[in-house]
């Protein structure tokens, strides 16, 4: 496995932009409503009805599910999703890692290219329980802007069908066409009750590097975000908070 690279964006950068923000609760967005237990149950039923047998149930992970999964899994493999790429195209986040003053952008997979990530195999004996935890985290609004769907992935042990959450370009929450510089402007300032976008980006980069996955898009973003934090707060990434 390749030696992990050291990103410019460090814990010191993250500390400079962290703010303790209370949870504002569900944020209303025109055309959307908060998901209910009935919505979660319906989503789980659809996934189970359209998916493979429980003993062959895999989830493709490209962002926070890699380093902070809400479920238990029994096996992990690296995987490639042809026809999809990572992109900060899901907007706007006014609660979790953003606010009304500084909204955040969330990572999704969008059409085109390919995405390297991991797949998790969920335990068949507690599949519904694990799916319940997953859907509650990933589907907070209705209609969802990045619905669960089955995609084909390649792994070292062979091809699989895996569940993932892919961007719906028809959604009003789809933010397309942002330059890396404009995206970095958002990621360097947004913070919500779960933490900052800088923290999210750093955690994703670090975990991918540990897995031997070099993502040029995220690598460029972390450098641009670090530059912006240094310009706004002073100092570099190798020291304490200034």
C-alpha atoms as a PDB file:
ATOM      1  CA  UNK A   1       0.000   0.000   0.000  1.00  0.00           C
ATOM      2  CA  UNK A   2       1.402   3.477  -0.874  1.00  0.00           C
ATOM      3  CA  UNK A   3       2.733   5.611   1.970  1.00  0.00           C
ATOM      4  CA  UNK A   4       0.029   8.091   3.082  1.00  0.00           C
ATOM      5  CA  UNK A   5       0.753  11.689   2.117  1.00  0.00           C
ATOM      6  CA  UNK A   6       0.625  14.434   4.742  1.00  0.00           C
ATOM      7  CA  UNK A   7      -2.049  16.998   3.838  1.00  0.00           C
ATOM      8  CA  UNK A   8      -1.474  20.697   4.313  1.00  0.00           C
ATOM      9  CA  UNK A   9      -4.799  20.923   6.148  1.00  0.00           C
ATOM     10  CA  UNK A  10      -4.032  19.930   9.761  1.00  0.00           C
ATOM     11  CA  UNK A  11      -5.723  19.708  13.141  1.00  0.00           C
ATOM     12  CA  UNK A  12      -4.384  23.182  13.888  1.00  0.00           C
ATOM     13  CA  UNK A  13      -6.249  24.589  10.877  1.00  0.00           C
ATOM     14  CA  UNK A  14      -9.422  22.847  12.001  1.00  0.00           C
ATOM     15  CA  UNK A  15      -9.064  24.257  15.517  1.00  0.00           C
ATOM     16  CA  UNK A  16      -8.846  27.789  14.132  1.00  0.00           C
ATOM     17  CA  UNK A  17     -12.262  27.583  12.479  1.00  0.00           C
ATOM     18  CA  UNK A  18     -14.081  25.474  15.082  1.00  0.00           C
ATOM     19  CA  UNK A  19     -16.997  27.100  16.880  1.00  0.00           C
ATOM     20  CA  UNK A  20     -19.265  25.630  19.534  1.00  0.00           C
ATOM     21  CA  UNK A  21     -22.708  25.902  17.952  1.00  0.00           C
ATOM     22  CA  UNK A  22     -25.886  24.497  19.505  1.00  0.00           C
ATOM     23  CA  UNK A  23     -28.106  22.313  17.344  1.00  0.00           C
ATOM     24  CA  UNK A  24     -30.754  24.610  15.836  1.00  0.00           C
ATOM     25  CA  UNK A  25     -32.983  21.630  15.104  1.00  0.00           C
ATOM     26  CA  UNK A  26     -34.486  20.837  11.683  1.00  0.00           C
ATOM     27  CA  UNK A  27     -34.062  23.761   9.295  1.00  0.00           C
ATOM     28  CA  UNK A  28     -36.951  24.405   6.931  1.00  0.00           C
ATOM     29  CA  UNK A  29     -36.100  24.652   3.244  1.00  0.00           C
ATOM     30  CA  UNK A  30     -38.776  25.599   0.748  1.00  0.00           C
ATOM     31  CA  UNK A  31     -40.081  22.521  -1.042  1.00  0.00           C
ATOM     32  CA  UNK A  32     -38.815  20.099   1.621  1.00  0.00           C
ATOM     33  CA  UNK A  33     -40.024  18.742   4.923  1.00  0.00           C
ATOM     34  CA  UNK A  34     -38.444  16.799   7.755  1.00  0.00           C
ATOM     35  CA  UNK A  35     -38.514  13.029   7.247  1.00  0.00           C
ATOM     36  CA  UNK A  36     -40.838  11.032   9.485  1.00  0.00           C
ATOM     37  CA  UNK A  37     -40.587   7.501  10.839  1.00  0.00           C
ATOM     38  CA  UNK A  38     -43.020   6.453   8.120  1.00  0.00           C
ATOM     39  CA  UNK A  39     -40.638   7.896   5.505  1.00  0.00           C
ATOM     40  CA  UNK A  40     -37.689   6.005   6.997  1.00  0.00           C
ATOM     41  CA  UNK A  41     -39.662   2.755   7.093  1.00  0.00           C
ATOM     42  CA  UNK A  42     -40.773   3.156   3.468  1.00  0.00           C
ATOM     43  CA  UNK A  43     -37.196   3.834   2.340  1.00  0.00           C
ATOM     44  CA  UNK A  44     -35.929   0.725   4.127  1.00  0.00           C
ATOM     45  CA  UNK A  45     -38.674  -1.434   2.641  1.00  0.00           C
ATOM     46  CA  UNK A  46     -37.824  -0.186  -0.860  1.00  0.00           C
ATOM     47  CA  UNK A  47     -34.115  -0.882  -0.352  1.00  0.00           C
ATOM     48  CA  UNK A  48     -34.761  -4.389   0.902  1.00  0.00           C
ATOM     49  CA  UNK A  49     -37.229  -5.127  -1.883  1.00  0.00           C
ATOM     50  CA  UNK A  50     -34.866  -4.015  -4.652  1.00  0.00           C
ATOM     51  CA  UNK A  51     -31.589  -5.261  -3.183  1.00  0.00           C
ATOM     52  CA  UNK A  52     -29.793  -8.600  -3.047  1.00  0.00           C
ATOM     53  CA  UNK A  53     -30.172 -11.281  -0.412  1.00  0.00           C
ATOM     54  CA  UNK A  54     -29.267 -10.159   3.125  1.00  0.00           C
ATOM     55  CA  UNK A  55     -26.026 -12.154   3.108  1.00  0.00           C
ATOM     56  CA  UNK A  56     -24.837 -10.179   0.054  1.00  0.00           C
ATOM     57  CA  UNK A  57     -25.738  -6.676   1.261  1.00  0.00           C
ATOM     58  CA  UNK A  58     -22.967  -4.103   0.719  1.00  0.00           C
ATOM     59  CA  UNK A  59     -22.823  -0.306   1.101  1.00  0.00           C
ATOM     60  CA  UNK A  60     -20.500   1.819  -1.064  1.00  0.00           C
ATOM     61  CA  UNK A  61     -18.907   4.592   0.996  1.00  0.00           C
ATOM     62  CA  UNK A  62     -17.155   7.663  -0.397  1.00  0.00           C
ATOM     63  CA  UNK A  63     -17.176  10.220   2.462  1.00  0.00           C
ATOM     64  CA  UNK A  64     -18.008  10.188   6.157  1.00  0.00           C
ATOM     65  CA  UNK A  65     -19.407   6.652   6.007  1.00  0.00           C
ATOM     66  CA  UNK A  66     -15.792   5.528   5.581  1.00  0.00           C
ATOM     67  CA  UNK A  67     -14.568   7.084   8.831  1.00  0.00           C
ATOM     68  CA  UNK A  68     -17.787   7.407  10.840  1.00  0.00           C
ATOM     69  CA  UNK A  69     -20.294   4.707   9.833  1.00  0.00           C
ATOM     70  CA  UNK A  70     -23.528   4.664  11.888  1.00  0.00           C
ATOM     71  CA  UNK A  71     -23.858   0.917  11.510  1.00  0.00           C
ATOM     72  CA  UNK A  72     -21.936  -2.275  12.278  1.00  0.00           C
ATOM     73  CA  UNK A  73     -20.290  -4.096   9.376  1.00  0.00           C
ATOM     74  CA  UNK A  74     -18.598  -7.469   9.074  1.00  0.00           C
ATOM     75  CA  UNK A  75     -16.242  -6.867   6.159  1.00  0.00           C
ATOM     76  CA  UNK A  76     -14.600  -3.951   4.344  1.00  0.00           C
ATOM     77  CA  UNK A  77     -13.027  -3.847   0.895  1.00  0.00           C
ATOM     78  CA  UNK A  78     -11.672  -1.069  -1.275  1.00  0.00           C
ATOM     79  CA  UNK A  79     -13.902  -0.484  -4.295  1.00  0.00           C
ATOM     80  CA  UNK A  80     -14.223   1.556  -7.476  1.00  0.00           C
ATOM     81  CA  UNK A  81     -17.554   2.953  -8.668  1.00  0.00           C
ATOM     82  CA  UNK A  82     -17.329   3.512 -12.453  1.00  0.00           C
ATOM     83  CA  UNK A  83     -19.444   6.353 -13.805  1.00  0.00           C
ATOM     84  CA  UNK A  84     -19.444   8.357 -10.558  1.00  0.00           C
ATOM     85  CA  UNK A  85     -17.142  10.914  -8.959  1.00  0.00           C
ATOM     86  CA  UNK A  86     -16.915  12.714  -5.618  1.00  0.00           C
ATOM     87  CA  UNK A  87     -18.058  16.309  -5.570  1.00  0.00           C
ATOM     88  CA  UNK A  88     -19.239  18.874  -3.046  1.00  0.00           C
ATOM     89  CA  UNK A  89     -22.520  19.430  -4.877  1.00  0.00           C
ATOM     90  CA  UNK A  90     -25.148  18.968  -2.152  1.00  0.00           C
ATOM     91  CA  UNK A  91     -26.254  22.288  -0.732  1.00  0.00           C
ATOM     92  CA  UNK A  92     -26.940  24.011   1.377  1.00  0.00           C
ATOM     93  CA  UNK A  93     -26.251  22.746   4.888  1.00  0.00           C
ATOM     94  CA  UNK A  94     -27.606  25.172   7.485  1.00  0.00           C
ATOM     95  CA  UNK A  95     -27.403  22.799  10.435  1.00  0.00           C
ATOM     96  CA  UNK A  96     -24.897  19.949  10.623  1.00  0.00           C
ATOM     97  CA  UNK A  97     -21.679  21.543   9.315  1.00  0.00           C
ATOM     98  CA  UNK A  98     -22.984  24.945   8.334  1.00  0.00           C
ATOM     99  CA  UNK A  99     -25.267  27.761   9.449  1.00  0.00           C
ATOM    100  CA  UNK A 100     -27.486  30.423   7.928  1.00  0.00           C
ATOM    101  CA  UNK A 101     -24.532  32.817   8.077  1.00  0.00           C
ATOM    102  CA  UNK A 102     -22.031  30.349   6.595  1.00  0.00           C
ATOM    103  CA  UNK A 103     -23.851  27.435   4.926  1.00  0.00           C
ATOM    104  CA  UNK A 104     -21.929  24.275   4.181  1.00  0.00           C
ATOM    105  CA  UNK A 105     -21.666  22.038   1.136  1.00  0.00           C
ATOM    106  CA  UNK A 106     -21.982  18.293   1.515  1.00  0.00           C
ATOM    107  CA  UNK A 107     -20.084  15.628  -0.366  1.00  0.00           C
ATOM    108  CA  UNK A 108     -21.969  13.366  -2.757  1.00  0.00           C
ATOM    109  CA  UNK A 109     -21.202  11.330  -5.838  1.00  0.00           C
ATOM    110  CA  UNK A 110     -22.229  12.801  -9.169  1.00  0.00           C
ATOM    111  CA  UNK A 111     -22.381  11.437 -12.706  1.00  0.00           C
ATOM    112  CA  UNK A 112     -19.160  10.937 -14.654  1.00  0.00           C
ATOM    113  CA  UNK A 113     -15.639   9.683 -14.045  1.00  0.00           C
ATOM    114  CA  UNK A 114     -14.976   7.138 -11.332  1.00  0.00           C
ATOM    115  CA  UNK A 115     -14.833   7.129  -7.551  1.00  0.00           C
ATOM    116  CA  UNK A 116     -12.537   5.055  -5.355  1.00  0.00           C
ATOM    117  CA  UNK A 117     -13.871   4.289  -1.892  1.00  0.00           C
ATOM    118  CA  UNK A 118     -14.785   1.271   0.211  1.00  0.00           C
ATOM    119  CA  UNK A 119     -17.670  -1.146   0.533  1.00  0.00           C
ATOM    120  CA  UNK A 120     -19.006  -2.418   3.845  1.00  0.00           C
ATOM    121  CA  UNK A 121     -20.841  -5.718   4.143  1.00  0.00           C
ATOM    122  CA  UNK A 122     -23.688  -5.423   6.650  1.00  0.00           C
ATOM    123  CA  UNK A 123     -24.465  -8.338   8.984  1.00  0.00           C
ATOM    124  CA  UNK A 124     -27.493 -10.246   7.636  1.00  0.00           C
ATOM    125  CA  UNK A 125     -28.824 -11.138  11.087  1.00  0.00           C
ATOM    126  CA  UNK A 126     -29.232  -7.448  12.035  1.00  0.00           C
ATOM    127  CA  UNK A 127     -29.606  -5.963   8.544  1.00  0.00           C
ATOM    128  CA  UNK A 128     -32.801  -4.002   9.213  1.00  0.00           C
ATOM    129  CA  UNK A 129     -31.355  -2.532  12.409  1.00  0.00           C
ATOM    130  CA  UNK A 130     -28.182  -1.402  10.611  1.00  0.00           C
ATOM    131  CA  UNK A 131     -30.206   0.053   7.720  1.00  0.00           C
ATOM    132  CA  UNK A 132     -32.385   1.956  10.164  1.00  0.00           C
ATOM    133  CA  UNK A 133     -29.312   3.698  11.597  1.00  0.00           C
ATOM    134  CA  UNK A 134     -27.988   4.430   8.103  1.00  0.00           C
ATOM    135  CA  UNK A 135     -31.219   5.860   6.685  1.00  0.00           C
ATOM    136  CA  UNK A 136     -31.894   8.001   9.749  1.00  0.00           C
ATOM    137  CA  UNK A 137     -28.537   9.713   9.224  1.00  0.00           C
ATOM    138  CA  UNK A 138     -28.598  10.053   5.463  1.00  0.00           C
ATOM    139  CA  UNK A 139     -32.248  10.980   4.847  1.00  0.00           C
ATOM    140  CA  UNK A 140     -33.225  13.910   7.033  1.00  0.00           C
ATOM    141  CA  UNK A 141     -35.429  15.634   4.427  1.00  0.00           C
ATOM    142  CA  UNK A 142     -38.157  14.655   1.963  1.00  0.00           C
ATOM    143  CA  UNK A 143     -37.716  14.571  -0.939  1.00  0.00           C
ATOM    144  CA  UNK A 144     -34.122  13.491  -0.476  1.00  0.00           C
ATOM    145  CA  UNK A 145     -31.585  15.216  -2.694  1.00  0.00           C
ATOM    146  CA  UNK A 146     -29.327  12.170  -2.857  1.00  0.00           C
ATOM    147  CA  UNK A 147     -31.529   9.095  -2.806  1.00  0.00           C
ATOM    148  CA  UNK A 148     -30.321   5.599  -2.026  1.00  0.00           C
ATOM    149  CA  UNK A 149     -29.671   3.575  -5.153  1.00  0.00           C
ATOM    150  CA  UNK A 150     -27.923   0.394  -6.249  1.00  0.00           C
ATOM    151  CA  UNK A 151     -24.752   0.760  -8.297  1.00  0.00           C
ATOM    152  CA  UNK A 152     -22.147  -1.592  -9.721  1.00  0.00           C
ATOM    153  CA  UNK A 153     -18.690  -1.478  -8.128  1.00  0.00           C
ATOM    154  CA  UNK A 154     -15.404  -3.293  -8.668  1.00  0.00           C
ATOM    155  CA  UNK A 155     -13.460  -4.768  -5.743  1.00  0.00           C
ATOM    156  CA  UNK A 156     -10.238  -6.824  -5.531  1.00  0.00           C
ATOM    157  CA  UNK A 157     -12.439  -9.890  -4.918  1.00  0.00           C
ATOM    158  CA  UNK A 158     -14.724  -9.225  -7.887  1.00  0.00           C
ATOM    159  CA  UNK A 159     -17.722  -7.065  -8.893  1.00  0.00           C
ATOM    160  CA  UNK A 160     -20.580  -6.270  -6.531  1.00  0.00           C
ATOM    161  CA  UNK A 161     -23.879  -4.448  -6.423  1.00  0.00           C
ATOM    162  CA  UNK A 162     -23.804  -1.962  -3.567  1.00  0.00           C
ATOM    163  CA  UNK A 163     -26.143   0.557  -2.003  1.00  0.00           C
ATOM    164  CA  UNK A 164     -25.007   4.174  -2.089  1.00  0.00           C
ATOM    165  CA  UNK A 165     -26.349   7.714  -1.961  1.00  0.00           C
ATOM    166  CA  UNK A 166     -25.960   9.545  -5.270  1.00  0.00           C
ATOM    167  CA  UNK A 167     -26.750  13.135  -6.161  1.00  0.00           C
ATOM    168  CA  UNK A 168     -30.024  13.815  -7.953  1.00  0.00           C
ATOM    169  CA  UNK A 169     -29.205  16.566 -10.443  1.00  0.00           C
ATOM    170  CA  UNK A 170     -32.892  17.443 -10.736  1.00  0.00           C
ATOM    171  CA  UNK A 171     -32.976  18.411  -7.060  1.00  0.00           C
ATOM    172  CA  UNK A 172     -33.058  22.104  -6.186  1.00  0.00           C
ATOM    173  CA  UNK A 173     -30.280  21.311  -3.712  1.00  0.00           C
ATOM    174  CA  UNK A 174     -27.892  20.360  -6.517  1.00  0.00           C
ATOM    175  CA  UNK A 175     -25.053  22.889  -6.663  1.00  0.00           C
ATOM    176  CA  UNK A 176     -23.164  22.311  -9.890  1.00  0.00           C
ATOM    177  CA  UNK A 177     -20.380  24.167 -11.625  1.00  0.00           C
ATOM    178  CA  UNK A 178     -18.519  25.526  -8.596  1.00  0.00           C
ATOM    179  CA  UNK A 179     -14.800  25.993  -9.149  1.00  0.00           C
ATOM    180  CA  UNK A 180     -12.402  24.450  -6.627  1.00  0.00           C
ATOM    181  CA  UNK A 181     -11.651  27.964  -5.408  1.00  0.00           C
ATOM    182  CA  UNK A 182     -15.324  28.763  -4.796  1.00  0.00           C
ATOM    183  CA  UNK A 183     -15.828  25.417  -3.082  1.00  0.00           C
ATOM    184  CA  UNK A 184     -12.816  26.050  -0.846  1.00  0.00           C
ATOM    185  CA  UNK A 185     -14.264  29.441   0.149  1.00  0.00           C
ATOM    186  CA  UNK A 186     -17.265  27.578   1.575  1.00  0.00           C
ATOM    187  CA  UNK A 187     -15.346  24.732   3.193  1.00  0.00           C
ATOM    188  CA  UNK A 188     -12.923  27.108   4.938  1.00  0.00           C
ATOM    189  CA  UNK A 189     -15.656  29.001   6.809  1.00  0.00           C
ATOM    190  CA  UNK A 190     -18.720  26.760   7.303  1.00  0.00           C
ATOM    191  CA  UNK A 191     -19.320  25.254  10.744  1.00  0.00           C
ATOM    192  CA  UNK A 192     -22.380  23.697  12.393  1.00  0.00           C
ATOM    193  CA  UNK A 193     -23.217  21.810  15.547  1.00  0.00           C
ATOM    194  CA  UNK A 194     -21.443  18.650  14.304  1.00  0.00           C
ATOM    195  CA  UNK A 195     -18.270  20.542  13.478  1.00  0.00           C
ATOM    196  CA  UNK A 196     -16.708  22.379  10.558  1.00  0.00           C
ATOM    197  CA  UNK A 197     -16.472  21.546   6.888  1.00  0.00           C
ATOM    198  CA  UNK A 198     -12.684  21.789   7.259  1.00  0.00           C
ATOM    199  CA  UNK A 199     -12.834  19.013   9.853  1.00  0.00           C
ATOM    200  CA  UNK A 200     -14.994  16.871   7.540  1.00  0.00           C
ATOM    201  CA  UNK A 201     -12.624  17.380   4.614  1.00  0.00           C
ATOM    202  CA  UNK A 202      -9.537  16.581   6.690  1.00  0.00           C
ATOM    203  CA  UNK A 203     -11.063  13.409   8.147  1.00  0.00           C
ATOM    204  CA  UNK A 204     -12.066  12.184   4.692  1.00  0.00           C
ATOM    205  CA  UNK A 205      -8.646  12.899   3.173  1.00  0.00           C
ATOM    206  CA  UNK A 206      -6.814  11.219   6.042  1.00  0.00           C
ATOM    207  CA  UNK A 207      -8.889   8.045   5.898  1.00  0.00           C
ATOM    208  CA  UNK A 208      -8.597   7.779   2.131  1.00  0.00           C
ATOM    209  CA  UNK A 209      -4.834   8.183   2.352  1.00  0.00           C
ATOM    210  CA  UNK A 210      -4.644   5.459   5.006  1.00  0.00           C
ATOM    211  CA  UNK A 211      -6.456   3.189   2.558  1.00  0.00           C
ATOM    212  CA  UNK A 212      -4.044   4.072  -0.227  1.00  0.00           C
ATOM    213  CA  UNK A 213      -6.666   6.087  -2.104  1.00  0.00           C
ATOM    214  CA  UNK A 214      -5.351   9.328  -3.591  1.00  0.00           C
ATOM    215  CA  UNK A 215      -8.201  11.639  -4.627  1.00  0.00           C
ATOM    216  CA  UNK A 216      -6.808  14.570  -6.625  1.00  0.00           C
ATOM    217  CA  UNK A 217     -10.019  16.610  -6.293  1.00  0.00           C
ATOM    218  CA  UNK A 218     -10.068  16.450  -2.490  1.00  0.00           C
ATOM    219  CA  UNK A 219      -6.290  16.866  -2.302  1.00  0.00           C
ATOM    220  CA  UNK A 220      -6.473  20.153  -4.171  1.00  0.00           C
ATOM    221  CA  UNK A 221      -9.387  21.304  -2.030  1.00  0.00           C
ATOM    222  CA  UNK A 222      -7.571  20.624   1.249  1.00  0.00           C
ATOM    223  CA  UNK A 223      -4.621  22.730   0.080  1.00  0.00           C
ATOM    224  CA  UNK A 224      -6.910  25.601  -0.943  1.00  0.00           C
ATOM    225  CA  UNK A 225      -8.853  25.407   2.336  1.00  0.00           C
ATOM    226  CA  UNK A 226      -5.629  25.471   4.371  1.00  0.00           C
ATOM    227  CA  UNK A 227      -4.462  28.524   2.425  1.00  0.00           C
ATOM    228  CA  UNK A 228      -7.697  30.361   3.188  1.00  0.00           C
ATOM    229  CA  UNK A 229      -7.613  29.516   6.889  1.00  0.00           C
ATOM    230  CA  UNK A 230      -4.002  30.687   7.136  1.00  0.00           C
ATOM    231  CA  UNK A 231      -4.858  33.935   5.354  1.00  0.00           C
ATOM    232  CA  UNK A 232      -7.829  34.588   7.635  1.00  0.00           C
ATOM    233  CA  UNK A 233      -6.371  33.445  10.971  1.00  0.00           C
ATOM    234  CA  UNK A 234      -2.601  33.579  10.524  1.00  0.00           C
ATOM    235  CA  UNK A 235      -0.001  30.931  11.149  1.00  0.00           C
ATOM    236  CA  UNK A 236       0.578  27.611   9.457  1.00  0.00           C
ATOM    237  CA  UNK A 237      -0.627  24.094  10.034  1.00  0.00           C
ATOM    238  CA  UNK A 238       2.220  22.818  12.212  1.00  0.00           C
ATOM    239  CA  UNK A 239       1.648  24.856  15.332  1.00  0.00           C
ATOM    240  CA  UNK A 240      -1.019  25.622  17.864  1.00  0.00           C
ATOM    241  CA  UNK A 241      -4.006  27.874  17.493  1.00  0.00           C
ATOM    242  CA  UNK A 242      -3.047  31.526  17.213  1.00  0.00           C
END
